[in-house]
Amino acid sequence: MKMKPILIFALLFLTSYSGVVLAQDKPEEEEQSYGIFETQDEYFQFMGAVKENPETLPMVNVINDIVLGQELGTTGKEFR
């Protein structure tokens, strides 16, 4: 059974490309940013207080975006 030349080239390309992709170093993880807070504990404490207050509860998504310096609506998109 003969293989068509295009199929041979495709197989060679895929095997060589996968070797290049697998050989790449993984990018280092960026440090977690907590927006205006220095530590994760400060951030969690603040957001916990926001969630406990019935007056601010409806605005948790917006407050979270502002505190973290994200585009408004980012948190809402994650949790729909």
PDB file of N, CA and C in Angstrom:
ATOM      1  N   MET A   1       0.850  -1.176   0.000  1.00  0.00           N
ATOM      2  CA  MET A   1       0.000   0.000   0.000  1.00  0.00           C
ATOM      3  C   MET A   1       0.894   1.237   0.000  1.00  0.00           C
ATOM      4  N   LYS A   2       0.711   2.098  -0.995  1.00  0.00           N
ATOM      5  CA  LYS A   2       1.521   3.298  -1.128  1.00  0.00           C
ATOM      6  C   LYS A   2       0.840   4.457  -0.419  1.00  0.00           C
ATOM      7  N   MET A   3       1.667   5.262   0.260  1.00  0.00           N
ATOM      8  CA  MET A   3       1.148   6.474   0.894  1.00  0.00           C
ATOM      9  C   MET A   3       1.354   7.643  -0.053  1.00  0.00           C
ATOM     10  N   LYS A   4       0.405   8.499  -0.095  1.00  0.00           N
ATOM     11  CA  LYS A   4       0.535   9.667  -0.943  1.00  0.00           C
ATOM     12  C   LYS A   4       1.587  10.601  -0.345  1.00  0.00           C
ATOM     13  N   PRO A   5       2.342  11.301  -1.210  1.00  0.00           N
ATOM     14  CA  PRO A   5       3.388  12.202  -0.715  1.00  0.00           C
ATOM     15  C   PRO A   5       2.875  13.266   0.259  1.00  0.00           C
ATOM     16  N   ILE A   6       1.674  13.775   0.024  1.00  0.00           N
ATOM     17  CA  ILE A   6       1.139  14.814   0.916  1.00  0.00           C
ATOM     18  C   ILE A   6       0.912  14.262   2.315  1.00  0.00           C
ATOM     19  N   LEU A   7       0.503  13.009   2.396  1.00  0.00           N
ATOM     20  CA  LEU A   7       0.283  12.378   3.694  1.00  0.00           C
ATOM     21  C   LEU A   7       1.610  12.183   4.421  1.00  0.00           C
ATOM     22  N   ILE A   8       2.645  11.823   3.698  1.00  0.00           N
ATOM     23  CA  ILE A   8       3.973  11.652   4.285  1.00  0.00           C
ATOM     24  C   ILE A   8       4.480  12.991   4.824  1.00  0.00           C
ATOM     25  N   PHE A   9       4.322  14.063   4.037  1.00  0.00           N
ATOM     26  CA  PHE A   9       4.744  15.384   4.488  1.00  0.00           C
ATOM     27  C   PHE A   9       3.958  15.824   5.723  1.00  0.00           C
ATOM     28  N   ALA A  10       2.668  15.530   5.742  1.00  0.00           N
ATOM     29  CA  ALA A  10       1.842  15.907   6.884  1.00  0.00           C
ATOM     30  C   ALA A  10       2.303  15.179   8.144  1.00  0.00           C
ATOM     31  N   LEU A  11       2.598  13.893   8.023  1.00  0.00           N
ATOM     32  CA  LEU A  11       3.078  13.128   9.178  1.00  0.00           C
ATOM     33  C   LEU A  11       4.437  13.638   9.660  1.00  0.00           C
ATOM     34  N   LEU A  12       5.334  13.941   8.724  1.00  0.00           N
ATOM     35  CA  LEU A  12       6.637  14.486   9.106  1.00  0.00           C
ATOM     36  C   LEU A  12       6.487  15.836   9.807  1.00  0.00           C
ATOM     37  N   PHE A  13       5.612  16.672   9.280  1.00  0.00           N
ATOM     38  CA  PHE A  13       5.388  17.986   9.897  1.00  0.00           C
ATOM     39  C   PHE A  13       4.836  17.845  11.304  1.00  0.00           C
ATOM     40  N   LEU A  14       3.830  16.999  11.471  1.00  0.00           N
ATOM     41  CA  LEU A  14       3.211  16.830  12.791  1.00  0.00           C
ATOM     42  C   LEU A  14       4.189  16.274  13.819  1.00  0.00           C
ATOM     43  N   THR A  15       4.997  15.309  13.418  1.00  0.00           N
ATOM     44  CA  THR A  15       5.952  14.753  14.377  1.00  0.00           C
ATOM     45  C   THR A  15       7.044  15.755  14.717  1.00  0.00           C
ATOM     46  N   SER A  16       7.511  16.532  13.751  1.00  0.00           N
ATOM     47  CA  SER A  16       8.546  17.526  14.054  1.00  0.00           C
ATOM     48  C   SER A  16       7.964  18.680  14.858  1.00  0.00           C
ATOM     49  N   TYR A  17       6.739  19.090  14.570  1.00  0.00           N
ATOM     50  CA  TYR A  17       6.106  20.184  15.297  1.00  0.00           C
ATOM     51  C   TYR A  17       5.834  19.797  16.747  1.00  0.00           C
ATOM     52  N   SER A  18       5.393  18.576  16.965  1.00  0.00           N
ATOM     53  CA  SER A  18       5.118  18.157  18.340  1.00  0.00           C
ATOM     54  C   SER A  18       6.403  18.110  19.160  1.00  0.00           C
ATOM     55  N   GLY A  19       7.515  17.779  18.544  1.00  0.00           N
ATOM     56  CA  GLY A  19       8.793  17.791  19.247  1.00  0.00           C
ATOM     57  C   GLY A  19       9.189  19.182  19.668  1.00  0.00           C
ATOM     58  N   VAL A  20       8.924  20.166  18.828  1.00  0.00           N
ATOM     59  CA  VAL A  20       9.240  21.551  19.155  1.00  0.00           C
ATOM     60  C   VAL A  20       8.345  22.043  20.286  1.00  0.00           C
ATOM     61  N   VAL A  21       7.072  21.734  20.224  1.00  0.00           N
ATOM     62  CA  VAL A  21       6.126  22.180  21.242  1.00  0.00           C
ATOM     63  C   VAL A  21       6.437  21.546  22.593  1.00  0.00           C
ATOM     64  N   LEU A  22       6.720  20.283  22.615  1.00  0.00           N
ATOM     65  CA  LEU A  22       6.994  19.597  23.872  1.00  0.00           C
ATOM     66  C   LEU A  22       8.325  20.006  24.479  1.00  0.00           C
ATOM     67  N   ALA A  23       9.256  20.480  23.690  1.00  0.00           N
ATOM     68  CA  ALA A  23      10.571  20.853  24.183  1.00  0.00           C
ATOM     69  C   ALA A  23      10.596  22.250  24.794  1.00  0.00           C
ATOM     70  N   GLN A  24       9.542  23.025  24.594  1.00  0.00           N
ATOM     71  CA  GLN A  24       9.524  24.390  25.111  1.00  0.00           C
ATOM     72  C   GLN A  24       9.353  24.391  26.620  1.00  0.00           C
ATOM     73  N   ASP A  25      10.007  25.356  27.257  1.00  0.00           N
ATOM     74  CA  ASP A  25       9.853  25.519  28.693  1.00  0.00           C
ATOM     75  C   ASP A  25       8.496  26.130  28.984  1.00  0.00           C
ATOM     76  N   LYS A  26       7.930  25.714  30.103  1.00  0.00           N
ATOM     77  CA  LYS A  26       6.664  26.294  30.523  1.00  0.00           C
ATOM     78  C   LYS A  26       6.937  27.671  31.105  1.00  0.00           C
ATOM     79  N   PRO A  27       6.075  28.638  30.799  1.00  0.00           N
ATOM     80  CA  PRO A  27       6.289  29.964  31.373  1.00  0.00           C
ATOM     81  C   PRO A  27       6.103  29.921  32.891  1.00  0.00           C
ATOM     82  N   GLU A  28       6.919  30.709  33.580  1.00  0.00           N
ATOM     83  CA  GLU A  28       6.790  30.758  35.019  1.00  0.00           C
ATOM     84  C   GLU A  28       5.474  31.416  35.388  1.00  0.00           C
ATOM     85  N   GLU A  29       4.875  30.902  36.457  1.00  0.00           N
ATOM     86  CA  GLU A  29       3.614  31.459  36.897  1.00  0.00           C
ATOM     87  C   GLU A  29       3.845  32.853  37.469  1.00  0.00           C
ATOM     88  N   GLU A  30       2.947  33.750  37.103  1.00  0.00           N
ATOM     89  CA  GLU A  30       3.049  35.105  37.616  1.00  0.00           C
ATOM     90  C   GLU A  30       2.559  35.116  39.058  1.00  0.00           C
ATOM     91  N   GLU A  31       3.088  36.054  39.821  1.00  0.00           N
ATOM     92  CA  GLU A  31       2.639  36.185  41.189  1.00  0.00           C
ATOM     93  C   GLU A  31       1.178  36.605  41.206  1.00  0.00           C
ATOM     94  N   GLN A  32       0.434  36.047  42.140  1.00  0.00           N
ATOM     95  CA  GLN A  32      -0.976  36.384  42.290  1.00  0.00           C
ATOM     96  C   GLN A  32      -1.099  37.828  42.755  1.00  0.00           C
ATOM     97  N   SER A  33      -1.965  38.573  42.125  1.00  0.00           N
ATOM     98  CA  SER A  33      -2.178  39.961  42.499  1.00  0.00           C
ATOM     99  C   SER A  33      -3.474  40.060  43.290  1.00  0.00           C
ATOM    100  N   TYR A  34      -3.434  40.816  44.374  1.00  0.00           N
ATOM    101  CA  TYR A  34      -4.621  41.030  45.188  1.00  0.00           C
ATOM    102  C   TYR A  34      -5.045  42.489  45.142  1.00  0.00           C
ATOM    103  N   GLY A  35      -4.802  43.129  44.018  1.00  0.00           N
ATOM    104  CA  GLY A  35      -5.237  44.499  43.795  1.00  0.00           C
ATOM    105  C   GLY A  35      -4.661  45.459  44.814  1.00  0.00           C
ATOM    106  N   ILE A  36      -5.537  46.115  45.535  1.00  0.00           N
ATOM    107  CA  ILE A  36      -5.107  47.131  46.493  1.00  0.00           C
ATOM    108  C   ILE A  36      -4.579  46.532  47.787  1.00  0.00           C
ATOM    109  N   PHE A  37      -4.685  45.226  47.952  1.00  0.00           N
ATOM    110  CA  PHE A  37      -4.239  44.573  49.177  1.00  0.00           C
ATOM    111  C   PHE A  37      -2.875  43.925  48.973  1.00  0.00           C
ATOM    112  N   GLU A  38      -2.109  43.854  50.043  1.00  0.00           N
ATOM    113  CA  GLU A  38      -0.777  43.266  49.958  1.00  0.00           C
ATOM    114  C   GLU A  38      -0.798  41.751  50.092  1.00  0.00           C
ATOM    115  N   THR A  39      -1.761  41.220  50.833  1.00  0.00           N
ATOM    116  CA  THR A  39      -1.797  39.768  51.053  1.00  0.00           C
ATOM    117  C   THR A  39      -3.170  39.213  50.726  1.00  0.00           C
ATOM    118  N   GLN A  40      -3.180  37.921  50.552  1.00  0.00           N
ATOM    119  CA  GLN A  40      -4.430  37.219  50.279  1.00  0.00           C
ATOM    120  C   GLN A  40      -5.366  37.303  51.481  1.00  0.00           C
ATOM    121  N   ASP A  41      -4.812  37.251  52.682  1.00  0.00           N
ATOM    122  CA  ASP A  41      -5.633  37.321  53.888  1.00  0.00           C
ATOM    123  C   ASP A  41      -6.384  38.641  53.988  1.00  0.00           C
ATOM    124  N   GLU A  42      -5.708  39.754  53.676  1.00  0.00           N
ATOM    125  CA  GLU A  42      -6.369  41.059  53.703  1.00  0.00           C
ATOM    126  C   GLU A  42      -7.511  41.102  52.698  1.00  0.00           C
ATOM    127  N   TYR A  43      -7.252  40.563  51.509  1.00  0.00           N
ATOM    128  CA  TYR A  43      -8.279  40.532  50.456  1.00  0.00           C
ATOM    129  C   TYR A  43      -9.481  39.702  50.904  1.00  0.00           C
ATOM    130  N   PHE A  44      -9.222  38.493  51.440  1.00  0.00           N
ATOM    131  CA  PHE A  44     -10.312  37.624  51.878  1.00  0.00           C
ATOM    132  C   PHE A  44     -11.099  38.245  53.033  1.00  0.00           C
ATOM    133  N   GLN A  45     -10.404  38.916  53.945  1.00  0.00           N
ATOM    134  CA  GLN A  45     -11.078  39.554  55.061  1.00  0.00           C
ATOM    135  C   GLN A  45     -12.012  40.666  54.567  1.00  0.00           C
ATOM    136  N   PHE A  46     -11.528  41.477  53.648  1.00  0.00           N
ATOM    137  CA  PHE A  46     -12.349  42.550  53.099  1.00  0.00           C
ATOM    138  C   PHE A  46     -13.558  41.996  52.350  1.00  0.00           C
ATOM    139  N   MET A  47     -13.326  41.032  51.461  1.00  0.00           N
ATOM    140  CA  MET A  47     -14.429  40.498  50.670  1.00  0.00           C
ATOM    141  C   MET A  47     -15.421  39.741  51.550  1.00  0.00           C
ATOM    142  N   GLY A  48     -14.937  39.117  52.614  1.00  0.00           N
ATOM    143  CA  GLY A  48     -15.844  38.457  53.557  1.00  0.00           C
ATOM    144  C   GLY A  48     -16.771  39.461  54.219  1.00  0.00           C
ATOM    145  N   ALA A  49     -16.225  40.634  54.591  1.00  0.00           N
ATOM    146  CA  ALA A  49     -17.049  41.675  55.194  1.00  0.00           C
ATOM    147  C   ALA A  49     -18.060  42.216  54.183  1.00  0.00           C
ATOM    148  N   VAL A  50     -17.650  42.339  52.925  1.00  0.00           N
ATOM    149  CA  VAL A  50     -18.572  42.806  51.880  1.00  0.00           C
ATOM    150  C   VAL A  50     -19.723  41.822  51.718  1.00  0.00           C
ATOM    151  N   LYS A  51     -19.430  40.546  51.743  1.00  0.00           N
ATOM    152  CA  LYS A  51     -20.464  39.517  51.548  1.00  0.00           C
ATOM    153  C   LYS A  51     -21.400  39.412  52.747  1.00  0.00           C
ATOM    154  N   GLU A  52     -20.932  39.761  53.943  1.00  0.00           N
ATOM    155  CA  GLU A  52     -21.772  39.674  55.141  1.00  0.00           C
ATOM    156  C   GLU A  52     -22.733  40.851  55.255  1.00  0.00           C
ATOM    157  N   ASN A  53     -22.408  41.973  54.646  1.00  0.00           N
ATOM    158  CA  ASN A  53     -23.234  43.172  54.738  1.00  0.00           C
ATOM    159  C   ASN A  53     -24.352  43.085  53.699  1.00  0.00           C
ATOM    160  N   PRO A  54     -25.626  43.075  54.142  1.00  0.00           N
ATOM    161  CA  PRO A  54     -26.732  42.946  53.179  1.00  0.00           C
ATOM    162  C   PRO A  54     -26.828  44.117  52.196  1.00  0.00           C
ATOM    163  N   GLU A  55     -26.281  45.278  52.582  1.00  0.00           N
ATOM    164  CA  GLU A  55     -26.348  46.437  51.691  1.00  0.00           C
ATOM    165  C   GLU A  55     -25.336  46.328  50.547  1.00  0.00           C
ATOM    166  N   THR A  56     -24.217  45.663  50.761  1.00  0.00           N
ATOM    167  CA  THR A  56     -23.190  45.541  49.717  1.00  0.00           C
ATOM    168  C   THR A  56     -23.228  44.189  48.999  1.00  0.00           C
ATOM    169  N   LEU A  57     -24.010  43.242  49.506  1.00  0.00           N
ATOM    170  CA  LEU A  57     -24.067  41.909  48.911  1.00  0.00           C
ATOM    171  C   LEU A  57     -24.416  41.918  47.418  1.00  0.00           C
ATOM    172  N   PRO A  58     -25.381  42.731  46.977  1.00  0.00           N
ATOM    173  CA  PRO A  58     -25.693  42.727  45.534  1.00  0.00           C
ATOM    174  C   PRO A  58     -24.564  43.266  44.655  1.00  0.00           C
ATOM    175  N   MET A  59     -23.598  43.949  45.269  1.00  0.00           N
ATOM    176  CA  MET A  59     -22.532  44.571  44.492  1.00  0.00           C
ATOM    177  C   MET A  59     -21.199  43.828  44.614  1.00  0.00           C
ATOM    178  N   VAL A  60     -21.216  42.593  45.080  1.00  0.00           N
ATOM    179  CA  VAL A  60     -19.979  41.849  45.319  1.00  0.00           C
ATOM    180  C   VAL A  60     -19.136  41.757  44.049  1.00  0.00           C
ATOM    181  N   ASN A  61     -19.748  41.445  42.925  1.00  0.00           N
ATOM    182  CA  ASN A  61     -18.995  41.300  41.676  1.00  0.00           C
ATOM    183  C   ASN A  61     -18.308  42.603  41.270  1.00  0.00           C
ATOM    184  N   VAL A  62     -19.021  43.713  41.372  1.00  0.00           N
ATOM    185  CA  VAL A  62     -18.463  45.013  40.987  1.00  0.00           C
ATOM    186  C   VAL A  62     -17.347  45.418  41.945  1.00  0.00           C
ATOM    187  N   ILE A  63     -17.585  45.235  43.246  1.00  0.00           N
ATOM    188  CA  ILE A  63     -16.568  45.584  44.246  1.00  0.00           C
ATOM    189  C   ILE A  63     -15.312  44.746  44.033  1.00  0.00           C
ATOM    190  N   ASN A  64     -15.494  43.462  43.765  1.00  0.00           N
ATOM    191  CA  ASN A  64     -14.345  42.586  43.529  1.00  0.00           C
ATOM    192  C   ASN A  64     -13.529  43.059  42.327  1.00  0.00           C
ATOM    193  N   ASP A  65     -14.197  43.439  41.242  1.00  0.00           N
ATOM    194  CA  ASP A  65     -13.493  43.931  40.055  1.00  0.00           C
ATOM    195  C   ASP A  65     -12.729  45.218  40.350  1.00  0.00           C
ATOM    196  N   ILE A  66     -13.343  46.120  41.104  1.00  0.00           N
ATOM    197  CA  ILE A  66     -12.683  47.383  41.440  1.00  0.00           C
ATOM    198  C   ILE A  66     -11.469  47.142  42.320  1.00  0.00           C
ATOM    199  N   VAL A  67     -11.627  46.299  43.341  1.00  0.00           N
ATOM    200  CA  VAL A  67     -10.535  46.019  44.280  1.00  0.00           C
ATOM    201  C   VAL A  67      -9.352  45.372  43.567  1.00  0.00           C
ATOM    202  N   LEU A  68      -9.629  44.464  42.642  1.00  0.00           N
ATOM    203  CA  LEU A  68      -8.558  43.750  41.936  1.00  0.00           C
ATOM    204  C   LEU A  68      -8.036  44.519  40.723  1.00  0.00           C
ATOM    205  N   GLY A  69      -8.681  45.630  40.372  1.00  0.00           N
ATOM    206  CA  GLY A  69      -8.241  46.413  39.226  1.00  0.00           C
ATOM    207  C   GLY A  69      -8.558  45.757  37.903  1.00  0.00           C
ATOM    208  N   GLN A  70      -9.633  44.997  37.867  1.00  0.00           N
ATOM    209  CA  GLN A  70     -10.046  44.315  36.648  1.00  0.00           C
ATOM    210  C   GLN A  70     -11.089  45.149  35.911  1.00  0.00           C
ATOM    211  N   GLU A  71     -11.318  44.788  34.662  1.00  0.00           N
ATOM    212  CA  GLU A  71     -12.385  45.415  33.897  1.00  0.00           C
ATOM    213  C   GLU A  71     -13.722  45.039  34.531  1.00  0.00           C
ATOM    214  N   LEU A  72     -14.622  46.003  34.639  1.00  0.00           N
ATOM    215  CA  LEU A  72     -15.914  45.717  35.258  1.00  0.00           C
ATOM    216  C   LEU A  72     -16.645  44.632  34.468  1.00  0.00           C
ATOM    217  N   GLY A  73     -17.173  43.668  35.187  1.00  0.00           N
ATOM    218  CA  GLY A  73     -17.892  42.554  34.571  1.00  0.00           C
ATOM    219  C   GLY A  73     -17.068  41.282  34.500  1.00  0.00           C
ATOM    220  N   THR A  74     -15.781  41.353  34.818  1.00  0.00           N
ATOM    221  CA  THR A  74     -14.925  40.165  34.737  1.00  0.00           C
ATOM    222  C   THR A  74     -15.375  39.096  35.710  1.00  0.00           C
ATOM    223  N   THR A  75     -15.629  39.465  36.947  1.00  0.00           N
ATOM    224  CA  THR A  75     -16.061  38.492  37.953  1.00  0.00           C
ATOM    225  C   THR A  75     -17.420  37.928  37.596  1.00  0.00           C
ATOM    226  N   GLY A  76     -18.308  38.770  37.128  1.00  0.00           N
ATOM    227  CA  GLY A  76     -19.641  38.312  36.753  1.00  0.00           C
ATOM    228  C   GLY A  76     -19.599  37.306  35.613  1.00  0.00           C
ATOM    229  N   LYS A  77     -18.679  37.470  34.678  1.00  0.00           N
ATOM    230  CA  LYS A  77     -18.562  36.532  33.562  1.00  0.00           C
ATOM    231  C   LYS A  77     -18.099  35.165  34.050  1.00  0.00           C
ATOM    232  N   GLU A  78     -17.229  35.154  35.070  1.00  0.00           N
ATOM    233  CA  GLU A  78     -16.717  33.888  35.592  1.00  0.00           C
ATOM    234  C   GLU A  78     -17.819  33.082  36.270  1.00  0.00           C
ATOM    235  N   PHE A  79     -18.736  33.745  36.954  1.00  0.00           N
ATOM    236  CA  PHE A  79     -19.769  33.057  37.739  1.00  0.00           C
ATOM    237  C   PHE A  79     -21.146  33.175  37.151  1.00  0.00           C
ATOM    238  N   ARG A  80     -21.289  33.862  36.047  1.00  0.00           N
ATOM    239  CA  ARG A  80     -22.569  34.052  35.328  1.00  0.00           C
ATOM    240  C   ARG A  80     -23.648  34.521  36.264  1.00  0.00           C
TER     241      ARG A  80
END
